N, C-alpha and C. Protein backbone atom coordinates (compact mmCIF):
# COMPACT_ATOMS: atom_id res chain seq x y z
N MET A 1 0.62 -0.98 0.13
CA MET A 1 -0.05 -0.17 0.02
C MET A 1 1.23 1.30 0.11
N ILE A 2 0.41 2.29 -0.55
CA ILE A 2 1.50 3.45 -0.92
C ILE A 2 0.43 4.68 -0.62
N GLU A 3 1.13 5.53 0.62
CA GLU A 3 0.26 6.21 1.04
C GLU A 3 1.12 7.81 1.58
N LYS A 4 0.64 8.75 1.55
CA LYS A 4 1.52 9.90 1.81
C LYS A 4 1.98 10.26 3.36
N LEU A 5 3.04 10.33 3.61
CA LEU A 5 4.13 10.28 5.14
C LEU A 5 3.81 11.51 5.90
N ASP A 6 3.73 11.84 6.83
CA ASP A 6 3.81 12.51 7.73
C ASP A 6 5.49 12.81 8.64
N ASN A 7 5.95 13.44 7.59
CA ASN A 7 7.56 13.24 8.00
C ASN A 7 7.41 14.40 9.22
N SER A 8 6.42 15.07 9.40
CA SER A 8 6.29 15.99 10.73
C SER A 8 6.40 15.58 12.42
N ASN A 9 5.96 14.28 11.80
CA ASN A 9 5.75 13.27 13.11
C ASN A 9 7.19 12.64 13.61
N GLU A 10 7.69 12.66 14.58
CA GLU A 10 8.65 12.24 14.84
C GLU A 10 9.12 10.70 14.71
N GLU A 11 7.84 10.03 14.90
CA GLU A 11 8.36 8.77 14.76
C GLU A 11 7.86 8.09 13.35
N ILE A 12 7.25 9.05 12.51
CA ILE A 12 7.17 8.79 11.12
C ILE A 12 8.74 9.08 10.19
N ALA A 13 9.04 10.26 10.98
CA ALA A 13 10.48 10.84 10.35
C ALA A 13 11.91 10.00 10.56
N ASN A 14 11.75 8.98 11.97
CA ASN A 14 12.27 7.75 12.37
C ASN A 14 12.16 6.79 11.81
N GLN A 15 11.43 6.42 10.92
CA GLN A 15 11.13 5.50 9.88
C GLN A 15 11.82 5.64 9.04
N ILE A 16 11.54 6.90 8.60
CA ILE A 16 12.14 7.36 6.99
C ILE A 16 13.54 7.68 7.36
N PHE A 17 13.88 8.15 8.43
CA PHE A 17 15.22 7.82 8.88
C PHE A 17 15.92 6.47 8.74
N ASP A 18 15.93 5.35 9.22
CA ASP A 18 16.25 4.01 9.42
C ASP A 18 16.27 3.24 7.78
N ILE A 19 15.38 3.91 6.99
CA ILE A 19 14.98 3.18 6.11
C ILE A 19 16.26 3.97 4.60
N PHE A 20 16.13 5.47 4.85
CA PHE A 20 17.21 5.96 4.12
C PHE A 20 18.48 5.35 4.49
N GLN A 21 19.17 5.08 5.89
CA GLN A 21 20.09 4.83 6.21
C GLN A 21 20.72 3.45 5.92
N ASN A 22 19.48 2.56 6.02
CA ASN A 22 19.79 0.87 5.50
C ASN A 22 19.78 0.78 3.75
N SER A 23 19.11 1.69 3.22
CA SER A 23 19.36 1.52 1.58
C SER A 23 20.62 2.53 1.35
N TYR A 24 20.64 3.61 1.82
CA TYR A 24 22.32 4.49 1.47
C TYR A 24 23.65 3.85 1.69
N LYS A 25 23.25 3.00 2.63
CA LYS A 25 24.87 2.18 2.94
C LYS A 25 24.86 1.39 1.54
N ILE A 26 24.10 0.46 1.57
CA ILE A 26 24.15 -0.68 0.58
C ILE A 26 24.44 0.38 -0.82
N GLU A 27 23.79 1.54 -1.35
CA GLU A 27 24.41 2.30 -2.31
C GLU A 27 25.36 2.31 -2.14
N ALA A 28 25.65 3.13 -1.26
CA ALA A 28 27.43 3.45 -0.68
C ALA A 28 28.45 2.22 -1.36
N GLN A 29 28.10 0.92 -0.93
CA GLN A 29 28.87 0.24 -1.07
C GLN A 29 28.95 -0.31 -2.56
N LEU A 30 27.53 0.26 -3.44
CA LEU A 30 27.49 -0.09 -4.71
C LEU A 30 28.04 0.25 -5.36
N ILE A 31 28.56 1.91 -5.29
CA ILE A 31 29.18 3.23 -5.78
C ILE A 31 30.67 2.85 -5.23
N GLY A 32 31.41 2.57 -3.97
CA GLY A 32 32.57 2.13 -3.73
C GLY A 32 33.49 3.23 -3.14
N VAL A 33 31.89 4.09 -2.36
CA VAL A 33 32.27 5.32 -1.32
C VAL A 33 32.16 4.50 0.30
N ARG A 34 32.57 5.91 0.95
CA ARG A 34 33.05 5.57 2.63
C ARG A 34 31.86 6.77 2.71
N ASP A 35 32.51 8.31 2.39
CA ASP A 35 31.53 9.34 2.28
C ASP A 35 30.12 9.60 1.13
N PHE A 36 29.29 9.16 2.03
CA PHE A 36 27.90 8.92 0.72
C PHE A 36 27.06 10.03 1.53
N PRO A 37 27.07 11.31 1.07
CA PRO A 37 26.06 12.47 1.56
C PRO A 37 24.66 12.31 2.11
N PRO A 38 23.77 11.46 1.31
CA PRO A 38 22.51 11.21 1.96
C PRO A 38 22.80 10.31 3.13
N LEU A 39 24.15 10.10 3.71
CA LEU A 39 23.83 9.36 5.23
C LEU A 39 24.47 10.01 5.88
N SER A 40 24.98 11.36 5.61
CA SER A 40 24.62 12.52 6.75
C SER A 40 23.33 13.05 7.03
N ARG A 41 22.22 12.87 6.69
CA ARG A 41 21.09 13.49 6.81
C ARG A 41 20.88 12.74 8.20
N SER A 42 20.02 14.03 8.74
CA SER A 42 19.55 13.39 10.06
C SER A 42 17.73 12.83 10.19
N ALA A 43 17.13 12.60 11.30
CA ALA A 43 15.89 12.48 11.28
C ALA A 43 15.62 13.37 11.58
N LYS A 44 16.29 14.44 12.18
CA LYS A 44 15.26 15.82 11.91
C LYS A 44 15.28 16.27 10.88
N ASP A 45 16.41 16.51 10.01
CA ASP A 45 16.50 17.07 9.15
C ASP A 45 15.12 16.22 8.11
N ILE A 46 14.73 15.44 8.23
CA ILE A 46 14.34 14.69 7.71
C ILE A 46 12.47 14.77 8.19
N LYS A 47 12.59 15.42 9.35
CA LYS A 47 10.92 15.80 10.22
C LYS A 47 11.20 17.18 9.66
N ASN A 48 12.01 17.90 9.72
CA ASN A 48 11.99 19.45 9.18
C ASN A 48 11.90 19.47 7.43
N SER A 49 12.08 18.79 6.84
CA SER A 49 11.89 18.68 4.87
C SER A 49 10.38 19.33 5.14
N LYS A 50 10.62 20.04 4.01
CA LYS A 50 8.99 20.76 3.22
C LYS A 50 8.94 19.79 1.88
N THR A 51 9.83 18.84 1.83
CA THR A 51 9.78 17.89 0.52
C THR A 51 8.05 17.12 0.95
N LEU A 52 7.66 16.24 -0.30
CA LEU A 52 6.97 15.16 -0.09
C LEU A 52 7.63 14.07 0.21
N PHE A 53 6.75 13.32 1.21
CA PHE A 53 7.20 11.68 1.49
C PHE A 53 6.40 10.89 0.76
N TYR A 54 6.34 9.61 0.00
CA TYR A 54 5.56 8.64 -0.06
C TYR A 54 5.67 7.44 0.41
N GLY A 55 5.26 6.80 1.17
CA GLY A 55 5.53 5.27 1.81
C GLY A 55 4.82 4.07 1.07
N PHE A 56 5.64 3.52 1.11
CA PHE A 56 5.04 1.78 0.23
C PHE A 56 5.50 1.13 1.52
N SER A 57 3.92 0.70 2.36
CA SER A 57 4.37 -0.35 3.50
C SER A 57 3.73 -1.85 3.07
N GLU A 58 4.60 -2.61 3.64
CA GLU A 58 4.05 -4.40 3.04
C GLU A 58 3.90 -5.06 4.68
N ASN A 59 2.54 -5.40 5.15
CA ASN A 59 1.96 -6.09 6.05
C ASN A 59 2.51 -5.04 7.44
N THR A 60 2.25 -3.83 7.59
CA THR A 60 2.04 -2.31 8.09
C THR A 60 3.35 -1.93 8.87
N CYS A 61 4.55 -2.34 7.65
CA CYS A 61 5.72 -2.08 7.78
C CYS A 61 5.92 -1.25 6.49
N LEU A 62 6.64 -0.39 6.89
CA LEU A 62 7.25 0.68 6.12
C LEU A 62 8.79 -0.01 5.05
N ALA A 63 8.24 -0.14 4.09
CA ALA A 63 9.26 -0.81 3.50
C ALA A 63 9.90 -0.29 2.38
N ALA A 64 9.68 1.29 1.94
CA ALA A 64 10.75 1.78 1.11
C ALA A 64 9.96 3.39 1.26
N VAL A 65 10.82 4.24 0.76
CA VAL A 65 10.04 5.58 0.45
C VAL A 65 10.68 6.45 -0.65
N ILE A 66 9.45 7.24 -1.28
CA ILE A 66 9.90 8.11 -2.27
C ILE A 66 9.72 9.41 -1.88
N GLU A 67 10.63 10.30 -2.41
CA GLU A 67 10.75 11.98 -1.36
C GLU A 67 10.87 12.66 -3.03
N ILE A 68 9.89 13.16 -2.88
CA ILE A 68 9.23 14.55 -4.30
C ILE A 68 9.15 16.00 -3.67
N VAL A 69 9.09 16.65 -5.00
CA VAL A 69 8.66 18.27 -5.10
C VAL A 69 8.30 18.06 -6.20
N ILE A 70 7.06 18.57 -5.88
CA ILE A 70 6.29 19.43 -7.28
C ILE A 70 5.78 20.88 -7.44
N GLU A 71 6.42 21.14 -8.59
CA GLU A 71 6.51 22.31 -8.63
C GLU A 71 5.97 22.88 -10.39
N ASP A 72 5.07 23.43 -10.01
CA ASP A 72 4.61 23.45 -11.33
C ASP A 72 4.38 22.59 -12.33
N LYS A 73 3.56 21.54 -11.72
CA LYS A 73 3.26 20.52 -12.82
C LYS A 73 4.67 19.87 -13.09
N HIS A 74 6.08 20.11 -12.36
CA HIS A 74 7.28 19.66 -13.17
C HIS A 74 7.53 18.74 -11.67
N LEU A 75 7.84 17.18 -12.07
CA LEU A 75 8.34 16.54 -10.24
C LEU A 75 9.89 16.65 -10.37
N ASP A 76 10.36 16.29 -9.17
CA ASP A 76 11.82 15.95 -8.76
C ASP A 76 11.85 14.83 -7.84
N ILE A 77 12.00 14.00 -8.02
CA ILE A 77 12.45 12.62 -7.24
C ILE A 77 13.63 13.21 -6.54
N ASN A 78 13.53 13.71 -5.18
CA ASN A 78 14.81 13.88 -4.41
C ASN A 78 15.57 12.63 -3.88
N SER A 79 14.55 11.62 -3.67
CA SER A 79 14.94 10.19 -3.26
C SER A 79 13.93 9.12 -3.19
N LEU A 80 14.78 8.05 -3.52
CA LEU A 80 13.68 6.83 -3.83
C LEU A 80 14.37 6.05 -2.91
N THR A 81 14.01 5.26 -1.84
CA THR A 81 14.89 4.21 -1.22
C THR A 81 13.81 3.09 -0.59
N VAL A 82 14.54 1.41 -0.73
CA VAL A 82 13.96 0.46 -0.90
C VAL A 82 15.05 0.00 0.49
N ASP A 83 14.24 -0.18 1.93
CA ASP A 83 14.61 -1.22 2.77
C ASP A 83 15.46 -2.35 2.39
N PRO A 84 16.83 -2.41 2.47
CA PRO A 84 17.30 -3.89 1.85
C PRO A 84 16.41 -5.00 2.18
N LYS A 85 15.76 -5.26 3.21
CA LYS A 85 14.81 -6.56 3.54
C LYS A 85 13.89 -6.64 2.56
N PHE A 86 13.53 -5.13 1.96
CA PHE A 86 12.46 -5.52 0.83
C PHE A 86 12.90 -5.40 -0.37
N PHE A 87 14.34 -5.79 -0.65
CA PHE A 87 14.81 -5.47 -2.30
C PHE A 87 13.86 -6.65 -3.25
N ARG A 88 14.14 -6.37 -4.83
CA ARG A 88 13.65 -7.40 -5.60
C ARG A 88 12.62 -7.66 -5.57
N LYS A 89 11.58 -6.85 -5.60
CA LYS A 89 10.13 -7.12 -5.09
C LYS A 89 9.41 -6.10 -5.98
N GLY A 90 10.22 -5.18 -6.92
CA GLY A 90 9.57 -4.35 -7.35
C GLY A 90 8.93 -3.25 -6.74
N ILE A 91 9.27 -2.82 -5.55
CA ILE A 91 8.44 -1.85 -4.79
C ILE A 91 8.97 -0.17 -5.47
N ALA A 92 9.89 -0.38 -5.94
CA ALA A 92 10.61 1.18 -6.24
C ALA A 92 9.90 1.36 -7.57
N ASP A 93 9.88 0.25 -8.02
CA ASP A 93 8.89 0.44 -9.63
C ASP A 93 7.42 0.75 -9.58
N LYS A 94 6.89 0.45 -8.20
CA LYS A 94 5.52 0.93 -7.63
C LYS A 94 5.68 1.94 -7.60
N LEU A 95 6.47 2.26 -6.83
CA LEU A 95 6.11 3.90 -5.95
C LEU A 95 6.43 5.04 -7.31
N ILE A 96 7.43 4.69 -8.16
CA ILE A 96 7.50 5.21 -9.24
C ILE A 96 6.57 5.47 -10.25
N THR A 97 6.18 4.56 -10.21
CA THR A 97 4.69 4.22 -11.36
C THR A 97 3.49 5.80 -10.30
N TYR A 98 3.53 5.44 -9.10
CA TYR A 98 2.56 5.67 -8.27
C TYR A 98 2.95 7.57 -8.60
N VAL A 99 3.93 7.75 -8.89
CA VAL A 99 3.92 9.12 -8.46
C VAL A 99 3.92 10.11 -10.27
N LEU A 100 4.33 9.13 -10.77
CA LEU A 100 4.16 9.71 -12.61
C LEU A 100 2.82 9.66 -12.94
N GLU A 101 1.90 8.54 -11.79
CA GLU A 101 0.80 8.81 -12.41
C GLU A 101 -0.85 9.60 -11.81
N GLU A 102 -0.27 9.68 -10.22
CA GLU A 102 -0.90 10.25 -9.36
C GLU A 102 -1.00 11.91 -9.42
N PHE A 103 0.08 12.56 -9.82
CA PHE A 103 0.24 14.00 -10.59
C PHE A 103 -0.23 14.39 -11.85
N ASP A 104 -0.73 15.30 -11.83
CA ASP A 104 -0.46 15.64 -13.34
C ASP A 104 0.03 16.66 -13.62
N LEU A 105 1.30 15.85 -14.33
CA LEU A 105 2.77 16.28 -14.51
C LEU A 105 3.02 16.84 -15.73
N THR A 106 3.82 17.46 -16.27
CA THR A 106 4.68 17.94 -17.65
C THR A 106 5.89 17.26 -18.28
N GLY A 107 6.34 16.71 -16.66
CA GLY A 107 7.79 16.26 -16.64
C GLY A 107 8.58 16.18 -15.55
N ALA A 108 9.52 15.21 -15.33
CA ALA A 108 10.27 14.58 -14.02
C ALA A 108 11.68 14.69 -14.52
N VAL A 109 12.06 14.70 -13.33
CA VAL A 109 13.75 14.92 -13.42
C VAL A 109 14.40 13.81 -12.32
N VAL A 110 15.45 13.28 -12.31
CA VAL A 110 16.16 12.91 -10.78
C VAL A 110 17.32 12.25 -11.27
N GLU A 111 17.97 12.20 -10.00
CA GLU A 111 19.85 12.29 -10.47
C GLU A 111 19.87 11.00 -9.52
N THR A 112 21.25 10.07 -9.82
CA THR A 112 21.89 9.05 -9.73
C THR A 112 23.11 8.93 -9.83
N ALA A 113 23.57 8.57 -9.11
CA ALA A 113 25.26 8.08 -9.25
C ALA A 113 25.29 7.21 -10.73
N VAL A 114 26.48 7.43 -11.16
CA VAL A 114 27.06 7.34 -12.83
C VAL A 114 26.70 5.41 -12.64
N VAL A 115 27.33 5.08 -11.49
CA VAL A 115 27.53 3.44 -10.79
C VAL A 115 26.45 2.82 -11.00
N ASN A 116 25.56 3.58 -10.72
CA ASN A 116 24.15 3.08 -10.17
C ASN A 116 23.26 2.60 -11.10
N LYS A 117 23.86 1.19 -11.87
CA LYS A 117 23.17 0.69 -13.11
C LYS A 117 21.30 0.74 -12.51
N PRO A 118 21.70 -0.44 -11.32
CA PRO A 118 20.09 -0.37 -11.25
C PRO A 118 19.07 0.57 -11.38
N ALA A 119 19.23 1.56 -10.70
CA ALA A 119 18.31 2.56 -10.55
C ALA A 119 18.29 3.46 -11.95
N ILE A 120 19.29 3.65 -12.65
CA ILE A 120 19.24 4.05 -14.30
C ILE A 120 18.48 3.02 -14.80
N ASN A 121 18.12 1.99 -15.17
CA ASN A 121 17.74 1.06 -15.87
C ASN A 121 16.11 1.18 -15.32
N LEU A 122 16.32 1.28 -14.42
CA LEU A 122 15.02 1.47 -13.48
C LEU A 122 14.17 2.81 -14.01
N TYR A 123 14.86 3.68 -14.12
CA TYR A 123 14.50 4.88 -14.75
C TYR A 123 14.18 5.09 -16.40
N LYS A 124 14.98 4.40 -16.43
CA LYS A 124 15.01 4.30 -17.77
C LYS A 124 13.49 3.66 -18.81
N LYS A 125 13.14 2.43 -17.66
CA LYS A 125 11.81 1.85 -17.95
C LYS A 125 10.77 2.74 -17.75
N HIS A 126 10.69 3.83 -16.69
CA HIS A 126 10.17 4.68 -17.19
C HIS A 126 10.01 5.92 -17.89
N GLY A 127 10.79 5.68 -19.44
CA GLY A 127 10.84 6.56 -19.57
C GLY A 127 11.69 7.75 -19.59
N PHE A 128 12.54 7.43 -18.64
CA PHE A 128 13.60 8.62 -18.48
C PHE A 128 14.67 8.19 -19.34
N VAL A 129 15.25 9.71 -20.01
CA VAL A 129 16.24 9.63 -20.65
C VAL A 129 17.51 10.41 -19.75
N GLU A 130 18.91 10.05 -20.35
CA GLU A 130 19.92 11.02 -19.76
C GLU A 130 20.25 12.23 -20.43
N PHE A 131 20.51 13.02 -19.72
CA PHE A 131 20.57 14.54 -19.87
C PHE A 131 21.94 15.48 -19.35
N LYS A 132 22.45 15.00 -18.51
CA LYS A 132 23.69 15.64 -17.88
C LYS A 132 24.43 14.67 -17.21
N LYS A 133 26.15 14.70 -17.19
CA LYS A 133 26.89 13.78 -16.15
C LYS A 133 28.07 15.13 -15.92
N TRP A 134 27.76 15.30 -14.20
CA TRP A 134 28.82 15.78 -13.80
C TRP A 134 29.48 14.90 -12.34
N THR A 135 30.34 16.04 -12.04
CA THR A 135 31.19 15.19 -10.56
C THR A 135 30.88 16.49 -9.52
N PRO A 136 30.33 16.43 -8.84
CA PRO A 136 30.04 17.44 -7.77
C PRO A 136 31.39 17.56 -6.44
N SER A 137 31.51 18.49 -5.74
CA SER A 137 32.83 19.02 -5.11
C SER A 137 32.80 17.18 -4.56
N HIS A 138 32.01 16.44 -4.04
CA HIS A 138 31.73 15.41 -2.93
C HIS A 138 32.72 14.26 -3.83
N GLY A 139 32.78 14.78 -5.40
CA GLY A 139 33.19 13.56 -5.98
C GLY A 139 32.83 12.27 -6.53
N ILE A 140 31.75 11.81 -6.31
CA ILE A 140 30.87 11.15 -6.82
C ILE A 140 30.12 11.17 -8.27
N GLU A 141 30.54 11.14 -9.38
CA GLU A 141 29.80 11.29 -10.64
C GLU A 141 28.02 11.19 -10.60
N LYS A 142 27.79 11.95 -11.31
CA LYS A 142 26.49 11.76 -10.97
C LYS A 142 26.05 12.38 -12.53
N LEU A 143 24.58 11.49 -12.48
CA LEU A 143 23.78 11.45 -13.95
C LEU A 143 22.48 12.27 -13.77
N ALA A 144 21.93 12.98 -14.49
CA ALA A 144 20.54 13.59 -13.96
C ALA A 144 19.84 12.68 -15.42
N MET A 145 18.32 12.48 -15.64
CA MET A 145 17.88 11.75 -16.33
C MET A 145 16.37 12.81 -15.93
N SER A 146 15.60 12.63 -16.96
CA SER A 146 14.24 13.29 -17.22
C SER A 146 13.54 12.59 -18.50
N VAL A 147 12.12 13.10 -17.81
CA VAL A 147 11.58 12.38 -18.89
C VAL A 147 10.31 13.73 -19.28
N GLN A 148 9.64 13.89 -20.47
CA GLN A 148 8.39 15.02 -20.73
C GLN A 148 7.34 14.26 -21.10
N TYR A 149 6.10 15.08 -20.79
CA TYR A 149 4.98 14.65 -20.77
C TYR A 149 4.62 15.34 -22.21
N ASP A 150 3.79 15.57 -23.48
CA ASP A 150 3.13 16.18 -24.25
C ASP A 150 1.65 16.24 -23.33
N ILE A 151 2.01 17.78 -23.47
CA ILE A 151 0.62 18.24 -23.40
C ILE A 151 -0.59 18.65 -24.27
């Protein structure tokens, strides 16, 4: 089940934080880095965030979270994390499908590490195409992808 999460609730912010930590530790290993910026985000940062969080729950257990911003019918996917206990169940795919279909959008954008092939392939499945590569100051080469919709 997918539902909007109230990240201003401390208990929910802590659940989101736990999923972020568990998932991003795996991503950091995949990328081959120790210093991975998403891991430095605190539960308090999540609680105070003005972004929107949607969660996928399985048997009342929060299994995955997508964090988004929608501005002028344009979706920005800030994060998409699945707890490792729920990997390989198609949950990330369901969350992407949900946000792309739930809102009236003209387009969407997402960023990920260039070496994160599973994420890149998942976004390509949803029509995203690569449009930019760069290396930020933290040194992890990134890729931006977008999808546009005809209006």
